[in-house]
Amino acid sequence: MNMFKLASAGILLSILGLSGCSGMTHQEKNTAVGAAVGGVAGNVLCGGVLCTGAGAVVGGVIGHEVSKDEDKKKK
């Protein structure tokens, strides 16, 4: 029963999180994705809160800068 509640809560939070991204610009979405990927990578590499946070910051900056270049190419 606890696994069912945990899975249900995870699915609900995923749906709410994804619906919050619907009004975001392309650059904001890439920043969020970069931060998430960077946080996971930082956690895998070091395993600490500090490394996770640093990875999220670096990933967010990279995602932001990459999408800035894509927006310039479209114009």
N, C-alpha and C. Protein backbone atom coordinates (compact mmCIF):
# COMPACT_ATOMS: atom_id res chain seq x y z
N MET A 1 0.82 -1.20 0.00
CA MET A 1 0.00 0.00 0.00
C MET A 1 0.86 1.26 0.00
N ASN A 2 1.98 1.24 0.68
CA ASN A 2 2.84 2.43 0.73
C ASN A 2 3.45 2.73 -0.63
N MET A 3 3.80 1.70 -1.40
CA MET A 3 4.35 1.92 -2.73
C MET A 3 3.32 2.57 -3.64
N PHE A 4 2.06 2.19 -3.50
CA PHE A 4 0.99 2.78 -4.30
C PHE A 4 0.86 4.26 -3.99
N LYS A 5 0.90 4.61 -2.71
CA LYS A 5 0.80 6.02 -2.32
C LYS A 5 2.00 6.81 -2.82
N LEU A 6 3.18 6.21 -2.73
CA LEU A 6 4.38 6.88 -3.19
C LEU A 6 4.35 7.10 -4.70
N ALA A 7 3.94 6.08 -5.44
CA ALA A 7 3.86 6.20 -6.89
C ALA A 7 2.80 7.23 -7.29
N SER A 8 1.67 7.22 -6.60
CA SER A 8 0.60 8.18 -6.90
C SER A 8 1.06 9.61 -6.64
N ALA A 9 1.77 9.80 -5.53
CA ALA A 9 2.27 11.14 -5.21
C ALA A 9 3.30 11.59 -6.25
N GLY A 10 4.16 10.68 -6.69
CA GLY A 10 5.15 11.01 -7.71
C GLY A 10 4.52 11.39 -9.03
N ILE A 11 3.50 10.66 -9.43
CA ILE A 11 2.80 10.97 -10.67
C ILE A 11 2.10 12.31 -10.57
N LEU A 12 1.46 12.57 -9.45
CA LEU A 12 0.75 13.84 -9.25
C LEU A 12 1.73 15.02 -9.29
N LEU A 13 2.85 14.88 -8.60
CA LEU A 13 3.83 15.96 -8.60
C LEU A 13 4.44 16.17 -9.99
N SER A 14 4.62 15.10 -10.72
CA SER A 14 5.15 15.23 -12.09
C SER A 14 4.17 15.99 -12.98
N ILE A 15 2.90 15.67 -12.87
CA ILE A 15 1.88 16.35 -13.68
C ILE A 15 1.81 17.82 -13.32
N LEU A 16 1.82 18.12 -12.03
CA LEU A 16 1.76 19.52 -11.60
C LEU A 16 3.02 20.27 -12.04
N GLY A 17 4.16 19.63 -11.94
CA GLY A 17 5.41 20.27 -12.35
C GLY A 17 5.45 20.55 -13.83
N LEU A 18 4.99 19.61 -14.62
CA LEU A 18 5.01 19.81 -16.07
C LEU A 18 3.98 20.85 -16.51
N SER A 19 2.85 20.92 -15.85
CA SER A 19 1.85 21.92 -16.22
C SER A 19 2.32 23.32 -15.87
N GLY A 20 3.20 23.45 -14.90
CA GLY A 20 3.76 24.75 -14.55
C GLY A 20 4.72 25.28 -15.60
N CYS A 21 5.22 24.41 -16.45
CA CYS A 21 6.18 24.81 -17.49
C CYS A 21 5.50 25.25 -18.78
N SER A 22 4.20 25.21 -18.84
CA SER A 22 3.52 25.49 -20.11
C SER A 22 3.65 26.94 -20.54
N GLY A 23 3.79 27.86 -19.61
CA GLY A 23 3.89 29.27 -19.96
C GLY A 23 5.32 29.77 -20.05
N MET A 24 6.29 28.87 -19.97
CA MET A 24 7.68 29.27 -19.98
C MET A 24 8.18 29.47 -21.42
N THR A 25 9.14 30.36 -21.55
CA THR A 25 9.77 30.53 -22.85
C THR A 25 10.73 29.37 -23.11
N HIS A 26 11.21 29.29 -24.34
CA HIS A 26 12.15 28.23 -24.72
C HIS A 26 13.42 28.33 -23.88
N GLN A 27 13.88 29.55 -23.65
CA GLN A 27 15.11 29.75 -22.88
C GLN A 27 14.91 29.35 -21.42
N GLU A 28 13.76 29.66 -20.84
CA GLU A 28 13.49 29.29 -19.46
C GLU A 28 13.39 27.77 -19.29
N LYS A 29 12.80 27.11 -20.29
CA LYS A 29 12.71 25.64 -20.23
C LYS A 29 14.09 25.01 -20.30
N ASN A 30 14.95 25.53 -21.19
CA ASN A 30 16.30 24.99 -21.29
C ASN A 30 17.11 25.25 -20.02
N THR A 31 16.88 26.38 -19.38
CA THR A 31 17.55 26.66 -18.13
C THR A 31 17.13 25.67 -17.05
N ALA A 32 15.84 25.39 -16.96
CA ALA A 32 15.34 24.43 -15.97
C ALA A 32 15.85 23.02 -16.25
N VAL A 33 15.85 22.62 -17.51
CA VAL A 33 16.35 21.29 -17.86
C VAL A 33 17.84 21.19 -17.56
N GLY A 34 18.58 22.22 -17.89
CA GLY A 34 20.02 22.23 -17.60
C GLY A 34 20.31 22.14 -16.11
N ALA A 35 19.50 22.84 -15.31
CA ALA A 35 19.69 22.79 -13.86
C ALA A 35 19.38 21.40 -13.31
N ALA A 36 18.34 20.78 -13.83
CA ALA A 36 17.98 19.43 -13.36
C ALA A 36 19.06 18.42 -13.74
N VAL A 37 19.51 18.47 -14.97
CA VAL A 37 20.55 17.53 -15.42
C VAL A 37 21.86 17.80 -14.68
N GLY A 38 22.19 19.05 -14.50
CA GLY A 38 23.42 19.39 -13.76
C GLY A 38 23.36 18.96 -12.31
N GLY A 39 22.19 19.08 -11.69
CA GLY A 39 22.05 18.63 -10.31
C GLY A 39 22.23 17.13 -10.17
N VAL A 40 21.65 16.40 -11.10
CA VAL A 40 21.81 14.93 -11.08
C VAL A 40 23.27 14.56 -11.32
N ALA A 41 23.90 15.22 -12.28
CA ALA A 41 25.31 14.92 -12.58
C ALA A 41 26.20 15.26 -11.39
N GLY A 42 25.95 16.38 -10.75
CA GLY A 42 26.74 16.75 -9.57
C GLY A 42 26.56 15.76 -8.43
N ASN A 43 25.35 15.27 -8.26
CA ASN A 43 25.10 14.29 -7.21
C ASN A 43 25.78 12.97 -7.52
N VAL A 44 25.77 12.57 -8.77
CA VAL A 44 26.40 11.31 -9.16
C VAL A 44 27.92 11.40 -9.00
N LEU A 45 28.50 12.54 -9.37
CA LEU A 45 29.95 12.68 -9.30
C LEU A 45 30.48 12.76 -7.87
N CYS A 46 29.82 13.54 -7.01
CA CYS A 46 30.33 13.74 -5.66
C CYS A 46 29.46 13.11 -4.58
N GLY A 47 28.15 13.14 -4.77
CA GLY A 47 27.24 12.54 -3.80
C GLY A 47 26.85 13.44 -2.65
N GLY A 48 27.23 14.69 -2.67
CA GLY A 48 26.90 15.59 -1.58
C GLY A 48 25.96 16.70 -2.01
N VAL A 49 25.41 17.39 -1.02
CA VAL A 49 24.47 18.48 -1.30
C VAL A 49 25.19 19.62 -2.01
N LEU A 50 26.40 19.89 -1.61
CA LEU A 50 27.16 20.99 -2.23
C LEU A 50 27.43 20.71 -3.71
N CYS A 51 27.81 19.49 -4.01
CA CYS A 51 28.07 19.13 -5.42
C CYS A 51 26.78 19.15 -6.24
N THR A 52 25.67 18.73 -5.64
CA THR A 52 24.39 18.76 -6.34
C THR A 52 24.00 20.19 -6.66
N GLY A 53 24.14 21.07 -5.69
CA GLY A 53 23.81 22.48 -5.91
C GLY A 53 24.71 23.13 -6.94
N ALA A 54 26.01 22.83 -6.85
CA ALA A 54 26.94 23.41 -7.82
C ALA A 54 26.65 22.89 -9.23
N GLY A 55 26.32 21.61 -9.33
CA GLY A 55 25.97 21.04 -10.64
C GLY A 55 24.72 21.68 -11.20
N ALA A 56 23.74 21.94 -10.34
CA ALA A 56 22.50 22.57 -10.79
C ALA A 56 22.76 23.99 -11.29
N VAL A 57 23.61 24.72 -10.59
CA VAL A 57 23.93 26.08 -11.01
C VAL A 57 24.65 26.07 -12.36
N VAL A 58 25.66 25.23 -12.48
CA VAL A 58 26.42 25.16 -13.72
C VAL A 58 25.53 24.70 -14.88
N GLY A 59 24.71 23.68 -14.63
CA GLY A 59 23.80 23.20 -15.67
C GLY A 59 22.78 24.25 -16.09
N GLY A 60 22.28 25.00 -15.12
CA GLY A 60 21.33 26.07 -15.44
C GLY A 60 21.95 27.16 -16.29
N VAL A 61 23.17 27.53 -15.96
CA VAL A 61 23.86 28.56 -16.74
C VAL A 61 24.12 28.06 -18.16
N ILE A 62 24.56 26.81 -18.27
CA ILE A 62 24.82 26.26 -19.61
C ILE A 62 23.53 26.18 -20.42
N GLY A 63 22.45 25.72 -19.82
CA GLY A 63 21.17 25.66 -20.52
C GLY A 63 20.68 27.02 -20.96
N HIS A 64 20.89 28.01 -20.11
CA HIS A 64 20.49 29.39 -20.43
C HIS A 64 21.30 29.94 -21.60
N GLU A 65 22.60 29.73 -21.57
CA GLU A 65 23.47 30.28 -22.61
C GLU A 65 23.27 29.56 -23.95
N VAL A 66 23.06 28.25 -23.92
CA VAL A 66 22.86 27.50 -25.16
C VAL A 66 21.58 27.96 -25.85
N SER A 67 20.52 28.16 -25.07
CA SER A 67 19.26 28.58 -25.68
C SER A 67 19.32 30.02 -26.16
N LYS A 68 20.18 30.83 -25.57
CA LYS A 68 20.35 32.21 -26.04
C LYS A 68 20.91 32.21 -27.45
N ASP A 69 21.87 31.34 -27.73
CA ASP A 69 22.43 31.23 -29.07
C ASP A 69 21.40 30.72 -30.07
N GLU A 70 20.54 29.79 -29.66
CA GLU A 70 19.50 29.26 -30.54
C GLU A 70 18.49 30.36 -30.90
N ASP A 71 18.16 31.22 -29.94
CA ASP A 71 17.21 32.29 -30.21
C ASP A 71 17.79 33.31 -31.19
N LYS A 72 19.09 33.56 -31.13
CA LYS A 72 19.72 34.50 -32.05
C LYS A 72 19.71 33.96 -33.47
N LYS A 73 19.88 32.63 -33.61
CA LYS A 73 19.89 32.01 -34.94
C LYS A 73 18.53 32.08 -35.60
N LYS A 74 17.45 32.04 -34.80
CA LYS A 74 16.10 32.06 -35.34
C LYS A 74 15.74 33.44 -35.89
N LYS A 75 16.34 34.50 -35.38
CA LYS A 75 15.98 35.86 -35.78
C LYS A 75 16.65 36.27 -37.05
